Amino acid sequence: MSTATQQKWQGRWEQLTGKAKQFWGKLTDDDFTKANGKYDELIGIINERTGESREAIEERLRDLKDHA
């Protein structure tokens, strides 16, 4: 992955995690550290914390990303 692509992903990841923390108040900074920039890992963590389905989480993350 090029440096520019990495920076772009890092910026998007930070925006997404900030919005996700606002929406799912149960999430902690440690949860996002564990996910380590991995989308699937983040979905699994949110599922564990909230009990929401993968589909519902993915839909919400898409909405959050689109409004970032």
PDB file of N, CA and C in Angstrom:
ATOM      1  N   MET A   1       0.854  -1.173   0.000  1.00  0.00           N
ATOM      2  CA  MET A   1       0.000   0.000   0.000  1.00  0.00           C
ATOM      3  C   MET A   1       0.896   1.231   0.000  1.00  0.00           C
ATOM      4  N   SER A   2       0.617   2.165  -0.890  1.00  0.00           N
ATOM      5  CA  SER A   2       1.435   3.373  -0.974  1.00  0.00           C
ATOM      6  C   SER A   2       1.225   4.252   0.260  1.00  0.00           C
ATOM      7  N   THR A   3       2.157   5.129   0.489  1.00  0.00           N
ATOM      8  CA  THR A   3       2.068   6.034   1.635  1.00  0.00           C
ATOM      9  C   THR A   3       0.821   6.909   1.543  1.00  0.00           C
ATOM     10  N   ALA A   4       0.509   7.399   0.344  1.00  0.00           N
ATOM     11  CA  ALA A   4      -0.680   8.246   0.169  1.00  0.00           C
ATOM     12  C   ALA A   4      -1.945   7.456   0.476  1.00  0.00           C
ATOM     13  N   THR A   5      -1.998   6.209   0.033  1.00  0.00           N
ATOM     14  CA  THR A   5      -3.160   5.366   0.297  1.00  0.00           C
ATOM     15  C   THR A   5      -3.280   5.083   1.787  1.00  0.00           C
ATOM     16  N   GLN A   6      -2.151   4.819   2.433  1.00  0.00           N
ATOM     17  CA  GLN A   6      -2.156   4.577   3.875  1.00  0.00           C
ATOM     18  C   GLN A   6      -2.663   5.804   4.631  1.00  0.00           C
ATOM     19  N   GLN A   7      -2.219   6.974   4.231  1.00  0.00           N
ATOM     20  CA  GLN A   7      -2.655   8.202   4.896  1.00  0.00           C
ATOM     21  C   GLN A   7      -4.146   8.436   4.685  1.00  0.00           C
ATOM     22  N   LYS A   8      -4.616   8.168   3.475  1.00  0.00           N
ATOM     23  CA  LYS A   8      -6.041   8.337   3.178  1.00  0.00           C
ATOM     24  C   LYS A   8      -6.876   7.373   4.020  1.00  0.00           C
ATOM     25  N   TRP A   9      -6.444   6.105   4.087  1.00  0.00           N
ATOM     26  CA  TRP A   9      -7.167   5.121   4.892  1.00  0.00           C
ATOM     27  C   TRP A   9      -7.130   5.512   6.365  1.00  0.00           C
ATOM     28  N   GLN A  10      -5.988   5.962   6.861  1.00  0.00           N
ATOM     29  CA  GLN A  10      -5.872   6.370   8.258  1.00  0.00           C
ATOM     30  C   GLN A  10      -6.836   7.505   8.569  1.00  0.00           C
ATOM     31  N   GLY A  11      -6.941   8.472   7.671  1.00  0.00           N
ATOM     32  CA  GLY A  11      -7.870   9.581   7.877  1.00  0.00           C
ATOM     33  C   GLY A  11      -9.310   9.111   7.895  1.00  0.00           C
ATOM     34  N   ARG A  12      -9.652   8.241   6.975  1.00  0.00           N
ATOM     35  CA  ARG A  12     -11.016   7.695   6.945  1.00  0.00           C
ATOM     36  C   ARG A  12     -11.293   6.848   8.177  1.00  0.00           C
ATOM     37  N   TRP A  13     -10.302   6.059   8.591  1.00  0.00           N
ATOM     38  CA  TRP A  13     -10.461   5.210   9.774  1.00  0.00           C
ATOM     39  C   TRP A  13     -10.732   6.078  11.000  1.00  0.00           C
ATOM     40  N   GLU A  14      -9.993   7.155  11.146  1.00  0.00           N
ATOM     41  CA  GLU A  14     -10.179   8.043  12.293  1.00  0.00           C
ATOM     42  C   GLU A  14     -11.564   8.683  12.279  1.00  0.00           C
ATOM     43  N   GLN A  15     -12.029   9.094  11.097  1.00  0.00           N
ATOM     44  CA  GLN A  15     -13.372   9.662  11.000  1.00  0.00           C
ATOM     45  C   GLN A  15     -14.425   8.615  11.357  1.00  0.00           C
ATOM     46  N   LEU A  16     -14.269   7.428  10.816  1.00  0.00           N
ATOM     47  CA  LEU A  16     -15.232   6.357  11.058  1.00  0.00           C
ATOM     48  C   LEU A  16     -15.263   5.973  12.530  1.00  0.00           C
ATOM     49  N   THR A  17     -14.101   5.825  13.145  1.00  0.00           N
ATOM     50  CA  THR A  17     -14.082   5.422  14.547  1.00  0.00           C
ATOM     51  C   THR A  17     -14.665   6.501  15.447  1.00  0.00           C
ATOM     52  N   GLY A  18     -14.413   7.753  15.112  1.00  0.00           N
ATOM     53  CA  GLY A  18     -14.996   8.843  15.907  1.00  0.00           C
ATOM     54  C   GLY A  18     -16.515   8.815  15.860  1.00  0.00           C
ATOM     55  N   LYS A  19     -17.063   8.640  14.664  1.00  0.00           N
ATOM     56  CA  LYS A  19     -18.527   8.565  14.520  1.00  0.00           C
ATOM     57  C   LYS A  19     -19.076   7.308  15.182  1.00  0.00           C
ATOM     58  N   ALA A  20     -18.362   6.196  15.048  1.00  0.00           N
ATOM     59  CA  ALA A  20     -18.810   4.941  15.662  1.00  0.00           C
ATOM     60  C   ALA A  20     -18.830   5.063  17.183  1.00  0.00           C
ATOM     61  N   LYS A  21     -17.823   5.727  17.754  1.00  0.00           N
ATOM     62  CA  LYS A  21     -17.801   5.928  19.210  1.00  0.00           C
ATOM     63  C   LYS A  21     -18.993   6.765  19.657  1.00  0.00           C
ATOM     64  N   GLN A  22     -19.370   7.748  18.865  1.00  0.00           N
ATOM     65  CA  GLN A  22     -20.526   8.570  19.202  1.00  0.00           C
ATOM     66  C   GLN A  22     -21.808   7.741  19.137  1.00  0.00           C
ATOM     67  N   PHE A  23     -21.931   6.919  18.107  1.00  0.00           N
ATOM     68  CA  PHE A  23     -23.152   6.140  17.926  1.00  0.00           C
ATOM     69  C   PHE A  23     -23.251   4.998  18.933  1.00  0.00           C
ATOM     70  N   TRP A  24     -22.174   4.237  19.082  1.00  0.00           N
ATOM     71  CA  TRP A  24     -22.154   3.113  20.016  1.00  0.00           C
ATOM     72  C   TRP A  24     -21.345   3.541  21.238  1.00  0.00           C
ATOM     73  N   GLY A  25     -22.001   4.080  22.210  1.00  0.00           N
ATOM     74  CA  GLY A  25     -21.334   4.582  23.406  1.00  0.00           C
ATOM     75  C   GLY A  25     -20.589   3.526  24.200  1.00  0.00           C
ATOM     76  N   LYS A  26     -20.876   2.256  23.944  1.00  0.00           N
ATOM     77  CA  LYS A  26     -20.228   1.165  24.674  1.00  0.00           C
ATOM     78  C   LYS A  26     -18.812   0.892  24.183  1.00  0.00           C
ATOM     79  N   LEU A  27     -18.445   1.456  23.037  1.00  0.00           N
ATOM     80  CA  LEU A  27     -17.127   1.201  22.474  1.00  0.00           C
ATOM     81  C   LEU A  27     -16.082   2.076  23.153  1.00  0.00           C
ATOM     82  N   THR A  28     -14.891   1.504  23.299  1.00  0.00           N
ATOM     83  CA  THR A  28     -13.789   2.223  23.942  1.00  0.00           C
ATOM     84  C   THR A  28     -12.648   2.419  22.952  1.00  0.00           C
ATOM     85  N   ASP A  29     -11.715   3.270  23.321  1.00  0.00           N
ATOM     86  CA  ASP A  29     -10.521   3.448  22.497  1.00  0.00           C
ATOM     87  C   ASP A  29      -9.774   2.128  22.354  1.00  0.00           C
ATOM     88  N   ASP A  30      -9.784   1.301  23.398  1.00  0.00           N
ATOM     89  CA  ASP A  30      -9.125  -0.007  23.336  1.00  0.00           C
ATOM     90  C   ASP A  30      -9.746  -0.892  22.263  1.00  0.00           C
ATOM     91  N   ASP A  31     -11.064  -0.796  22.094  1.00  0.00           N
ATOM     92  CA  ASP A  31     -11.730  -1.581  21.053  1.00  0.00           C
ATOM     93  C   ASP A  31     -11.180  -1.226  19.677  1.00  0.00           C
ATOM     94  N   PHE A  32     -10.993   0.059  19.440  1.00  0.00           N
ATOM     95  CA  PHE A  32     -10.486   0.499  18.147  1.00  0.00           C
ATOM     96  C   PHE A  32      -9.011   0.163  17.991  1.00  0.00           C
ATOM     97  N   THR A  33      -8.283   0.180  19.084  1.00  0.00           N
ATOM     98  CA  THR A  33      -6.884  -0.237  19.038  1.00  0.00           C
ATOM     99  C   THR A  33      -6.800  -1.711  18.674  1.00  0.00           C
ATOM    100  N   LYS A  34      -7.674  -2.534  19.261  1.00  0.00           N
ATOM    101  CA  LYS A  34      -7.705  -3.967  18.936  1.00  0.00           C
ATOM    102  C   LYS A  34      -8.033  -4.193  17.467  1.00  0.00           C
ATOM    103  N   ALA A  35      -8.949  -3.418  16.934  1.00  0.00           N
ATOM    104  CA  ALA A  35      -9.338  -3.572  15.529  1.00  0.00           C
ATOM    105  C   ALA A  35      -8.172  -3.217  14.606  1.00  0.00           C
ATOM    106  N   ASN A  36      -7.318  -2.302  15.037  1.00  0.00           N
ATOM    107  CA  ASN A  36      -6.083  -1.976  14.332  1.00  0.00           C
ATOM    108  C   ASN A  36      -6.308  -1.647  12.853  1.00  0.00           C
ATOM    109  N   GLY A  37      -7.364  -0.905  12.563  1.00  0.00           N
ATOM    110  CA  GLY A  37      -7.624  -0.494  11.190  1.00  0.00           C
ATOM    111  C   GLY A  37      -8.273  -1.549  10.327  1.00  0.00           C
ATOM    112  N   LYS A  38      -8.667  -2.667  10.924  1.00  0.00           N
ATOM    113  CA  LYS A  38      -9.265  -3.763  10.161  1.00  0.00           C
ATOM    114  C   LYS A  38     -10.784  -3.717  10.308  1.00  0.00           C
ATOM    115  N   TYR A  39     -11.448  -3.493   9.198  1.00  0.00           N
ATOM    116  CA  TYR A  39     -12.900  -3.319   9.153  1.00  0.00           C
ATOM    117  C   TYR A  39     -13.639  -4.528   9.732  1.00  0.00           C
ATOM    118  N   ASP A  40     -13.272  -5.738   9.302  1.00  0.00           N
ATOM    119  CA  ASP A  40     -13.952  -6.945   9.788  1.00  0.00           C
ATOM    120  C   ASP A  40     -13.767  -7.136  11.286  1.00  0.00           C
ATOM    121  N   GLU A  41     -12.588  -6.812  11.766  1.00  0.00           N
ATOM    122  CA  GLU A  41     -12.318  -6.914  13.199  1.00  0.00           C
ATOM    123  C   GLU A  41     -13.199  -5.936  13.972  1.00  0.00           C
ATOM    124  N   LEU A  42     -13.354  -4.728  13.452  1.00  0.00           N
ATOM    125  CA  LEU A  42     -14.206  -3.725  14.095  1.00  0.00           C
ATOM    126  C   LEU A  42     -15.651  -4.208  14.164  1.00  0.00           C
ATOM    127  N   ILE A  43     -16.127  -4.795  13.086  1.00  0.00           N
ATOM    128  CA  ILE A  43     -17.496  -5.316  13.073  1.00  0.00           C
ATOM    129  C   ILE A  43     -17.667  -6.376  14.153  1.00  0.00           C
ATOM    130  N   GLY A  44     -16.705  -7.278  14.279  1.00  0.00           N
ATOM    131  CA  GLY A  44     -16.766  -8.316  15.304  1.00  0.00           C
ATOM    132  C   GLY A  44     -16.795  -7.741  16.718  1.00  0.00           C
ATOM    133  N   ILE A  45     -16.009  -6.721  16.951  1.00  0.00           N
ATOM    134  CA  ILE A  45     -15.965  -6.088  18.273  1.00  0.00           C
ATOM    135  C   ILE A  45     -17.297  -5.402  18.574  1.00  0.00           C
ATOM    136  N   ILE A  46     -17.829  -4.682  17.598  1.00  0.00           N
ATOM    137  CA  ILE A  46     -19.115  -4.017  17.803  1.00  0.00           C
ATOM    138  C   ILE A  46     -20.202  -5.057  18.069  1.00  0.00           C
ATOM    139  N   ASN A  47     -20.164  -6.161  17.338  1.00  0.00           N
ATOM    140  CA  ASN A  47     -21.132  -7.246  17.540  1.00  0.00           C
ATOM    141  C   ASN A  47     -21.043  -7.791  18.963  1.00  0.00           C
ATOM    142  N   GLU A  48     -19.838  -8.032  19.453  1.00  0.00           N
ATOM    143  CA  GLU A  48     -19.645  -8.535  20.821  1.00  0.00           C
ATOM    144  C   GLU A  48     -20.191  -7.559  21.852  1.00  0.00           C
ATOM    145  N   ARG A  49     -19.922  -6.277  21.657  1.00  0.00           N
ATOM    146  CA  ARG A  49     -20.335  -5.251  22.622  1.00  0.00           C
ATOM    147  C   ARG A  49     -21.839  -4.987  22.621  1.00  0.00           C
ATOM    148  N   THR A  50     -22.445  -5.050  21.418  1.00  0.00           N
ATOM    149  CA  THR A  50     -23.837  -4.612  21.309  1.00  0.00           C
ATOM    150  C   THR A  50     -24.833  -5.727  21.038  1.00  0.00           C
ATOM    151  N   GLY A  51     -24.365  -6.838  20.484  1.00  0.00           N
ATOM    152  CA  GLY A  51     -25.272  -7.914  20.109  1.00  0.00           C
ATOM    153  C   GLY A  51     -25.993  -7.671  18.795  1.00  0.00           C
ATOM    154  N   GLU A  52     -25.681  -6.574  18.121  1.00  0.00           N
ATOM    155  CA  GLU A  52     -26.307  -6.280  16.833  1.00  0.00           C
ATOM    156  C   GLU A  52     -25.793  -7.251  15.768  1.00  0.00           C
ATOM    157  N   SER A  53     -26.601  -7.463  14.743  1.00  0.00           N
ATOM    158  CA  SER A  53     -26.194  -8.346  13.658  1.00  0.00           C
ATOM    159  C   SER A  53     -25.120  -7.678  12.802  1.00  0.00           C
ATOM    160  N   ARG A  54     -24.360  -8.515  12.120  1.00  0.00           N
ATOM    161  CA  ARG A  54     -23.321  -8.006  11.218  1.00  0.00           C
ATOM    162  C   ARG A  54     -23.929  -7.079  10.167  1.00  0.00           C
ATOM    163  N   GLU A  55     -25.077  -7.473   9.628  1.00  0.00           N
ATOM    164  CA  GLU A  55     -25.724  -6.668   8.593  1.00  0.00           C
ATOM    165  C   GLU A  55     -26.105  -5.291   9.118  1.00  0.00           C
ATOM    166  N   ALA A  56     -26.665  -5.240  10.322  1.00  0.00           N
ATOM    167  CA  ALA A  56     -27.066  -3.957  10.910  1.00  0.00           C
ATOM    168  C   ALA A  56     -25.840  -3.074  11.170  1.00  0.00           C
ATOM    169  N   ILE A  57     -24.767  -3.693  11.639  1.00  0.00           N
ATOM    170  CA  ILE A  57     -23.541  -2.941  11.916  1.00  0.00           C
ATOM    171  C   ILE A  57     -22.961  -2.387  10.620  1.00  0.00           C
ATOM    172  N   GLU A  58     -22.880  -3.238   9.590  1.00  0.00           N
ATOM    173  CA  GLU A  58     -22.336  -2.782   8.315  1.00  0.00           C
ATOM    174  C   GLU A  58     -23.171  -1.644   7.728  1.00  0.00           C
ATOM    175  N   GLU A  59     -24.479  -1.751   7.837  1.00  0.00           N
ATOM    176  CA  GLU A  59     -25.355  -0.694   7.329  1.00  0.00           C
ATOM    177  C   GLU A  59     -25.094   0.617   8.062  1.00  0.00           C
ATOM    178  N   ARG A  60     -24.991   0.545   9.381  1.00  0.00           N
ATOM    179  CA  ARG A  60     -24.757   1.745  10.173  1.00  0.00           C
ATOM    180  C   ARG A  60     -23.385   2.337   9.851  1.00  0.00           C
ATOM    181  N   LEU A  61     -22.365   1.492   9.701  1.00  0.00           N
ATOM    182  CA  LEU A  61     -21.035   1.995   9.380  1.00  0.00           C
ATOM    183  C   LEU A  61     -21.029   2.671   8.009  1.00  0.00           C
ATOM    184  N   ARG A  62     -21.758   2.121   7.052  1.00  0.00           N
ATOM    185  CA  ARG A  62     -21.866   2.753   5.728  1.00  0.00           C
ATOM    186  C   ARG A  62     -22.518   4.126   5.861  1.00  0.00           C
ATOM    187  N   ASP A  63     -23.582   4.191   6.656  1.00  0.00           N
ATOM    188  CA  ASP A  63     -24.265   5.476   6.875  1.00  0.00           C
ATOM    189  C   ASP A  63     -23.324   6.486   7.535  1.00  0.00           C
ATOM    190  N   LEU A  64     -22.593   6.031   8.540  1.00  0.00           N
ATOM    191  CA  LEU A  64     -21.664   6.922   9.228  1.00  0.00           C
ATOM    192  C   LEU A  64     -20.576   7.407   8.282  1.00  0.00           C
ATOM    193  N   LYS A  65     -20.071   6.495   7.447  1.00  0.00           N
ATOM    194  CA  LYS A  65     -19.009   6.844   6.498  1.00  0.00           C
ATOM    195  C   LYS A  65     -19.529   7.837   5.463  1.00  0.00           C
ATOM    196  N   ASP A  66     -20.739   7.619   4.995  1.00  0.00           N
ATOM    197  CA  ASP A  66     -21.313   8.499   3.980  1.00  0.00           C
ATOM    198  C   ASP A  66     -21.573   9.907   4.509  1.00  0.00           C
ATOM    199  N   HIS A  67     -21.761  10.030   5.803  1.00  0.00           N
ATOM    200  CA  HIS A  67     -22.043  11.343   6.403  1.00  0.00           C
ATOM    201  C   HIS A  67     -20.830  11.925   7.102  1.00  0.00           C
ATOM    202  N   ALA A  68     -19.665  11.330   6.878  1.00  0.00           N
ATOM    203  CA  ALA A  68     -18.441  11.828   7.517  1.00  0.00           C
ATOM    204  C   ALA A  68     -17.923  13.056   6.821  1.00  0.00           C
TER     205      ALA A  68
END
